[in-house]
Amino acid sequence: MASDSSFNLRGEKKGEALASRFGEKAFSYAGNSKHDIPVWKHAGEVIVVNPERGLLDKVGDSADIIFE
């Protein structure tokens, strides 16, 4: 599952695509930027890898972070 020349699979669109394929809250997702927040809303597990400055403050308690 990836972007191509005609479709940018990022943010909410990526979250919806993953939820459609694997089920809502039925997948883990690793990310490091504000663009991953909409995807994490659909993920059952959130993995934060080398986050950009301020990202964890933006996520707050809205996600159950399993690894930071």
PDB file of N, CA and C in Angstrom:
ATOM      1  N   MET A   1       0.852  -1.154   0.000  1.00  0.00           N
ATOM      2  CA  MET A   1       0.000   0.000   0.000  1.00  0.00           C
ATOM      3  C   MET A   1       0.909   1.231   0.000  1.00  0.00           C
ATOM      4  N   ALA A   2       0.794   2.038  -1.046  1.00  0.00           N
ATOM      5  CA  ALA A   2       1.675   3.196  -1.163  1.00  0.00           C
ATOM      6  C   ALA A   2       1.068   4.242  -2.090  1.00  0.00           C
ATOM      7  N   SER A   3       1.620   5.430  -2.042  1.00  0.00           N
ATOM      8  CA  SER A   3       1.231   6.486  -2.971  1.00  0.00           C
ATOM      9  C   SER A   3       1.735   6.141  -4.365  1.00  0.00           C
ATOM     10  N   ASP A   4       1.095   6.738  -5.368  1.00  0.00           N
ATOM     11  CA  ASP A   4       1.596   6.617  -6.734  1.00  0.00           C
ATOM     12  C   ASP A   4       1.473   7.986  -7.404  1.00  0.00           C
ATOM     13  N   SER A   5       1.715   8.052  -8.678  1.00  0.00           N
ATOM     14  CA  SER A   5       1.735   9.342  -9.373  1.00  0.00           C
ATOM     15  C   SER A   5       0.375  10.035  -9.415  1.00  0.00           C
ATOM     16  N   SER A   6      -0.713   9.302  -9.198  1.00  0.00           N
ATOM     17  CA  SER A   6      -2.029   9.922  -9.263  1.00  0.00           C
ATOM     18  C   SER A   6      -2.749   9.977  -7.917  1.00  0.00           C
ATOM     19  N   PHE A   7      -2.202   9.323  -6.895  1.00  0.00           N
ATOM     20  CA  PHE A   7      -2.896   9.264  -5.612  1.00  0.00           C
ATOM     21  C   PHE A   7      -1.889   9.346  -4.470  1.00  0.00           C
ATOM     22  N   ASN A   8      -2.020  10.375  -3.633  1.00  0.00           N
ATOM     23  CA  ASN A   8      -1.126  10.550  -2.491  1.00  0.00           C
ATOM     24  C   ASN A   8      -1.765   9.911  -1.261  1.00  0.00           C
ATOM     25  N   LEU A   9      -1.262   8.764  -0.881  1.00  0.00           N
ATOM     26  CA  LEU A   9      -1.799   8.034   0.262  1.00  0.00           C
ATOM     27  C   LEU A   9      -1.095   8.523   1.525  1.00  0.00           C
ATOM     28  N   ARG A  10      -1.694   9.535   2.154  1.00  0.00           N
ATOM     29  CA  ARG A  10      -1.086  10.171   3.321  1.00  0.00           C
ATOM     30  C   ARG A  10      -2.188  10.660   4.256  1.00  0.00           C
ATOM     31  N   GLY A  11      -1.877  10.725   5.532  1.00  0.00           N
ATOM     32  CA  GLY A  11      -2.814  11.271   6.501  1.00  0.00           C
ATOM     33  C   GLY A  11      -4.098  10.470   6.586  1.00  0.00           C
ATOM     34  N   GLU A  12      -5.222  11.172   6.581  1.00  0.00           N
ATOM     35  CA  GLU A  12      -6.528  10.527   6.740  1.00  0.00           C
ATOM     36  C   GLU A  12      -6.794   9.489   5.655  1.00  0.00           C
ATOM     37  N   LYS A  13      -6.391   9.774   4.416  1.00  0.00           N
ATOM     38  CA  LYS A  13      -6.600   8.809   3.327  1.00  0.00           C
ATOM     39  C   LYS A  13      -5.869   7.504   3.608  1.00  0.00           C
ATOM     40  N   LYS A  14      -4.660   7.602   4.140  1.00  0.00           N
ATOM     41  CA  LYS A  14      -3.903   6.396   4.475  1.00  0.00           C
ATOM     42  C   LYS A  14      -4.581   5.650   5.624  1.00  0.00           C
ATOM     43  N   GLY A  15      -5.040   6.373   6.630  1.00  0.00           N
ATOM     44  CA  GLY A  15      -5.741   5.750   7.748  1.00  0.00           C
ATOM     45  C   GLY A  15      -6.987   5.012   7.296  1.00  0.00           C
ATOM     46  N   GLU A  16      -7.759   5.632   6.423  1.00  0.00           N
ATOM     47  CA  GLU A  16      -8.971   4.999   5.900  1.00  0.00           C
ATOM     48  C   GLU A  16      -8.636   3.767   5.070  1.00  0.00           C
ATOM     49  N   ALA A  17      -7.593   3.850   4.256  1.00  0.00           N
ATOM     50  CA  ALA A  17      -7.193   2.711   3.426  1.00  0.00           C
ATOM     51  C   ALA A  17      -6.736   1.535   4.288  1.00  0.00           C
ATOM     52  N   LEU A  18      -5.950   1.810   5.314  1.00  0.00           N
ATOM     53  CA  LEU A  18      -5.491   0.740   6.204  1.00  0.00           C
ATOM     54  C   LEU A  18      -6.659   0.129   6.974  1.00  0.00           C
ATOM     55  N   ALA A  19      -7.574   0.965   7.454  1.00  0.00           N
ATOM     56  CA  ALA A  19      -8.743   0.461   8.175  1.00  0.00           C
ATOM     57  C   ALA A  19      -9.628  -0.374   7.257  1.00  0.00           C
ATOM     58  N   SER A  20      -9.747   0.026   6.007  1.00  0.00           N
ATOM     59  CA  SER A  20     -10.538  -0.741   5.042  1.00  0.00           C
ATOM     60  C   SER A  20      -9.915  -2.107   4.775  1.00  0.00           C
ATOM     61  N   ARG A  21      -8.608  -2.128   4.701  1.00  0.00           N
ATOM     62  CA  ARG A  21      -7.903  -3.375   4.384  1.00  0.00           C
ATOM     63  C   ARG A  21      -7.802  -4.322   5.581  1.00  0.00           C
ATOM     64  N   PHE A  22      -7.489  -3.769   6.765  1.00  0.00           N
ATOM     65  CA  PHE A  22      -7.217  -4.610   7.930  1.00  0.00           C
ATOM     66  C   PHE A  22      -8.294  -4.559   9.008  1.00  0.00           C
ATOM     67  N   GLY A  23      -9.165  -3.558   8.945  1.00  0.00           N
ATOM     68  CA  GLY A  23     -10.188  -3.374   9.968  1.00  0.00           C
ATOM     69  C   GLY A  23      -9.830  -2.215  10.888  1.00  0.00           C
ATOM     70  N   GLU A  24     -10.865  -1.524  11.328  1.00  0.00           N
ATOM     71  CA  GLU A  24     -10.671  -0.396  12.238  1.00  0.00           C
ATOM     72  C   GLU A  24     -10.059  -0.884  13.547  1.00  0.00           C
ATOM     73  N   LYS A  25      -8.981  -0.242  13.975  1.00  0.00           N
ATOM     74  CA  LYS A  25      -8.254  -0.576  15.209  1.00  0.00           C
ATOM     75  C   LYS A  25      -7.632  -1.965  15.173  1.00  0.00           C
ATOM     76  N   ALA A  26      -7.448  -2.526  13.975  1.00  0.00           N
ATOM     77  CA  ALA A  26      -6.928  -3.892  13.845  1.00  0.00           C
ATOM     78  C   ALA A  26      -5.533  -3.933  13.227  1.00  0.00           C
ATOM     79  N   PHE A  27      -4.801  -2.846  13.307  1.00  0.00           N
ATOM     80  CA  PHE A  27      -3.434  -2.826  12.781  1.00  0.00           C
ATOM     81  C   PHE A  27      -2.572  -1.920  13.655  1.00  0.00           C
ATOM     82  N   SER A  28      -1.285  -2.130  13.589  1.00  0.00           N
ATOM     83  CA  SER A  28      -0.307  -1.278  14.270  1.00  0.00           C
ATOM     84  C   SER A  28       0.284  -0.332  13.235  1.00  0.00           C
ATOM     85  N   TYR A  29       0.653   0.869  13.680  1.00  0.00           N
ATOM     86  CA  TYR A  29       1.229   1.821  12.740  1.00  0.00           C
ATOM     87  C   TYR A  29       2.345   2.604  13.407  1.00  0.00           C
ATOM     88  N   ALA A  30       3.495   2.621  12.768  1.00  0.00           N
ATOM     89  CA  ALA A  30       4.653   3.365  13.267  1.00  0.00           C
ATOM     90  C   ALA A  30       4.799   4.658  12.474  1.00  0.00           C
ATOM     91  N   GLY A  31       5.082   5.739  13.177  1.00  0.00           N
ATOM     92  CA  GLY A  31       5.275   7.012  12.508  1.00  0.00           C
ATOM     93  C   GLY A  31       6.080   7.969  13.362  1.00  0.00           C
ATOM     94  N   ASN A  32       6.339   9.148  12.792  1.00  0.00           N
ATOM     95  CA  ASN A  32       7.168  10.112  13.506  1.00  0.00           C
ATOM     96  C   ASN A  32       6.765  11.569  13.287  1.00  0.00           C
ATOM     97  N   SER A  33       5.646  11.813  12.602  1.00  0.00           N
ATOM     98  CA  SER A  33       5.309  13.204  12.301  1.00  0.00           C
ATOM     99  C   SER A  33       3.825  13.488  12.488  1.00  0.00           C
ATOM    100  N   LYS A  34       3.480  14.773  12.419  1.00  0.00           N
ATOM    101  CA  LYS A  34       2.086  15.184  12.568  1.00  0.00           C
ATOM    102  C   LYS A  34       1.202  14.583  11.480  1.00  0.00           C
ATOM    103  N   HIS A  35       1.789  14.206  10.363  1.00  0.00           N
ATOM    104  CA  HIS A  35       1.017  13.613   9.275  1.00  0.00           C
ATOM    105  C   HIS A  35       0.553  12.201   9.616  1.00  0.00           C
ATOM    106  N   ASP A  36       1.136  11.604  10.646  1.00  0.00           N
ATOM    107  CA  ASP A  36       0.745  10.261  11.066  1.00  0.00           C
ATOM    108  C   ASP A  36      -0.424  10.273  12.050  1.00  0.00           C
ATOM    109  N   ILE A  37      -0.734  11.400  12.647  1.00  0.00           N
ATOM    110  CA  ILE A  37      -1.812  11.474  13.638  1.00  0.00           C
ATOM    111  C   ILE A  37      -3.145  10.980  13.075  1.00  0.00           C
ATOM    112  N   PRO A  38      -3.563  11.389  11.872  1.00  0.00           N
ATOM    113  CA  PRO A  38      -4.825  10.871  11.343  1.00  0.00           C
ATOM    114  C   PRO A  38      -4.810   9.355  11.130  1.00  0.00           C
ATOM    115  N   VAL A  39      -3.655   8.797  10.831  1.00  0.00           N
ATOM    116  CA  VAL A  39      -3.538   7.341  10.661  1.00  0.00           C
ATOM    117  C   VAL A  39      -3.682   6.670  12.019  1.00  0.00           C
ATOM    118  N   TRP A  40      -3.032   7.225  13.036  1.00  0.00           N
ATOM    119  CA  TRP A  40      -3.084   6.640  14.375  1.00  0.00           C
ATOM    120  C   TRP A  40      -4.501   6.581  14.921  1.00  0.00           C
ATOM    121  N   LYS A  41      -5.372   7.478  14.492  1.00  0.00           N
ATOM    122  CA  LYS A  41      -6.769   7.455  14.953  1.00  0.00           C
ATOM    123  C   LYS A  41      -7.465   6.161  14.539  1.00  0.00           C
ATOM    124  N   HIS A  42      -6.982   5.534  13.479  1.00  0.00           N
ATOM    125  CA  HIS A  42      -7.565   4.282  12.985  1.00  0.00           C
ATOM    126  C   HIS A  42      -6.827   3.047  13.496  1.00  0.00           C
ATOM    127  N   ALA A  43      -5.625   3.244  14.042  1.00  0.00           N
ATOM    128  CA  ALA A  43      -4.762   2.120  14.437  1.00  0.00           C
ATOM    129  C   ALA A  43      -5.106   1.601  15.830  1.00  0.00           C
ATOM    130  N   GLY A  44      -4.910   0.304  16.010  1.00  0.00           N
ATOM    131  CA  GLY A  44      -5.088  -0.301  17.325  1.00  0.00           C
ATOM    132  C   GLY A  44      -3.870  -0.107  18.200  1.00  0.00           C
ATOM    133  N   GLU A  45      -2.712  -0.015  17.580  1.00  0.00           N
ATOM    134  CA  GLU A  45      -1.464   0.217  18.295  1.00  0.00           C
ATOM    135  C   GLU A  45      -0.700   1.335  17.607  1.00  0.00           C
ATOM    136  N   VAL A  46      -0.176   2.244  18.403  1.00  0.00           N
ATOM    137  CA  VAL A  46       0.591   3.378  17.898  1.00  0.00           C
ATOM    138  C   VAL A  46       2.044   3.203  18.318  1.00  0.00           C
ATOM    139  N   ILE A  47       2.935   3.281  17.354  1.00  0.00           N
ATOM    140  CA  ILE A  47       4.366   3.188  17.613  1.00  0.00           C
ATOM    141  C   ILE A  47       4.990   4.500  17.151  1.00  0.00           C
ATOM    142  N   VAL A  48       5.619   5.210  18.081  1.00  0.00           N
ATOM    143  CA  VAL A  48       6.247   6.488  17.766  1.00  0.00           C
ATOM    144  C   VAL A  48       7.751   6.268  17.661  1.00  0.00           C
ATOM    145  N   VAL A  49       8.302   6.624  16.508  1.00  0.00           N
ATOM    146  CA  VAL A  49       9.725   6.410  16.243  1.00  0.00           C
ATOM    147  C   VAL A  49      10.398   7.757  15.995  1.00  0.00           C
ATOM    148  N   ASN A  50      11.359   8.112  16.828  1.00  0.00           N
ATOM    149  CA  ASN A  50      12.120   9.350  16.647  1.00  0.00           C
ATOM    150  C   ASN A  50      11.199  10.524  16.282  1.00  0.00           C
ATOM    151  N   PRO A  51      10.269  10.885  17.167  1.00  0.00           N
ATOM    152  CA  PRO A  51       9.254  11.884  16.820  1.00  0.00           C
ATOM    153  C   PRO A  51       9.818  13.282  16.598  1.00  0.00           C
ATOM    154  N   GLU A  52       9.171  13.992  15.677  1.00  0.00           N
ATOM    155  CA  GLU A  52       9.528  15.389  15.477  1.00  0.00           C
ATOM    156  C   GLU A  52       9.126  16.176  16.721  1.00  0.00           C
ATOM    157  N   ARG A  53       9.750  17.322  16.898  1.00  0.00           N
ATOM    158  CA  ARG A  53       9.534  18.157  18.081  1.00  0.00           C
ATOM    159  C   ARG A  53       8.044  18.469  18.274  1.00  0.00           C
ATOM    160  N   GLY A  54       7.546  18.227  19.484  1.00  0.00           N
ATOM    161  CA  GLY A  54       6.172  18.564  19.830  1.00  0.00           C
ATOM    162  C   GLY A  54       5.139  17.524  19.454  1.00  0.00           C
ATOM    163  N   LEU A  55       5.540  16.465  18.780  1.00  0.00           N
ATOM    164  CA  LEU A  55       4.562  15.480  18.317  1.00  0.00           C
ATOM    165  C   LEU A  55       3.832  14.802  19.470  1.00  0.00           C
ATOM    166  N   LEU A  56       4.540  14.382  20.490  1.00  0.00           N
ATOM    167  CA  LEU A  56       3.895  13.675  21.597  1.00  0.00           C
ATOM    168  C   LEU A  56       2.896  14.575  22.316  1.00  0.00           C
ATOM    169  N   ASP A  57       3.160  15.869  22.362  1.00  0.00           N
ATOM    170  CA  ASP A  57       2.204  16.803  22.951  1.00  0.00           C
ATOM    171  C   ASP A  57       0.930  16.872  22.113  1.00  0.00           C
ATOM    172  N   LYS A  58       1.059  16.791  20.799  1.00  0.00           N
ATOM    173  CA  LYS A  58      -0.104  16.837  19.907  1.00  0.00           C
ATOM    174  C   LYS A  58      -0.936  15.567  20.014  1.00  0.00           C
ATOM    175  N   VAL A  59      -0.278  14.435  20.221  1.00  0.00           N
ATOM    176  CA  VAL A  59      -0.987  13.158  20.326  1.00  0.00           C
ATOM    177  C   VAL A  59      -1.714  13.080  21.664  1.00  0.00           C
ATOM    178  N   GLY A  60      -1.060  13.525  22.731  1.00  0.00           N
ATOM    179  CA  GLY A  60      -1.675  13.520  24.054  1.00  0.00           C
ATOM    180  C   GLY A  60      -2.166  12.143  24.448  1.00  0.00           C
ATOM    181  N   ASP A  61      -3.367  12.095  24.994  1.00  0.00           N
ATOM    182  CA  ASP A  61      -3.966  10.834  25.437  1.00  0.00           C
ATOM    183  C   ASP A  61      -4.876  10.228  24.378  1.00  0.00           C
ATOM    184  N   SER A  62      -4.852  10.759  23.168  1.00  0.00           N
ATOM    185  CA  SER A  62      -5.762  10.272  22.129  1.00  0.00           C
ATOM    186  C   SER A  62      -5.353   8.922  21.569  1.00  0.00           C
ATOM    187  N   ALA A  63      -4.147   8.461  21.908  1.00  0.00           N
ATOM    188  CA  ALA A  63      -3.672   7.171  21.402  1.00  0.00           C
ATOM    189  C   ALA A  63      -2.998   6.405  22.527  1.00  0.00           C
ATOM    190  N   ASP A  64      -3.103   5.097  22.452  1.00  0.00           N
ATOM    191  CA  ASP A  64      -2.421   4.223  23.398  1.00  0.00           C
ATOM    192  C   ASP A  64      -1.063   3.887  22.798  1.00  0.00           C
ATOM    193  N   ILE A  65      -0.060   4.658  23.151  1.00  0.00           N
ATOM    194  CA  ILE A  65       1.274   4.485  22.581  1.00  0.00           C
ATOM    195  C   ILE A  65       1.935   3.278  23.233  1.00  0.00           C
ATOM    196  N   ILE A  66       2.342   2.293  22.409  1.00  0.00           N
ATOM    197  CA  ILE A  66       2.941   1.089  22.970  1.00  0.00           C
ATOM    198  C   ILE A  66       4.453   1.142  22.983  1.00  0.00           C
ATOM    199  N   PHE A  67       5.031   2.027  22.198  1.00  0.00           N
ATOM    200  CA  PHE A  67       6.483   2.152  22.153  1.00  0.00           C
ATOM    201  C   PHE A  67       6.825   3.574  21.776  1.00  0.00           C
ATOM    202  N   GLU A  68       7.788   4.129  22.449  1.00  0.00           N
ATOM    203  CA  GLU A  68       8.171   5.516  22.184  1.00  0.00           C
ATOM    204  C   GLU A  68       9.675   5.618  22.098  1.00  0.00           C
TER     205      GLU A  68
END
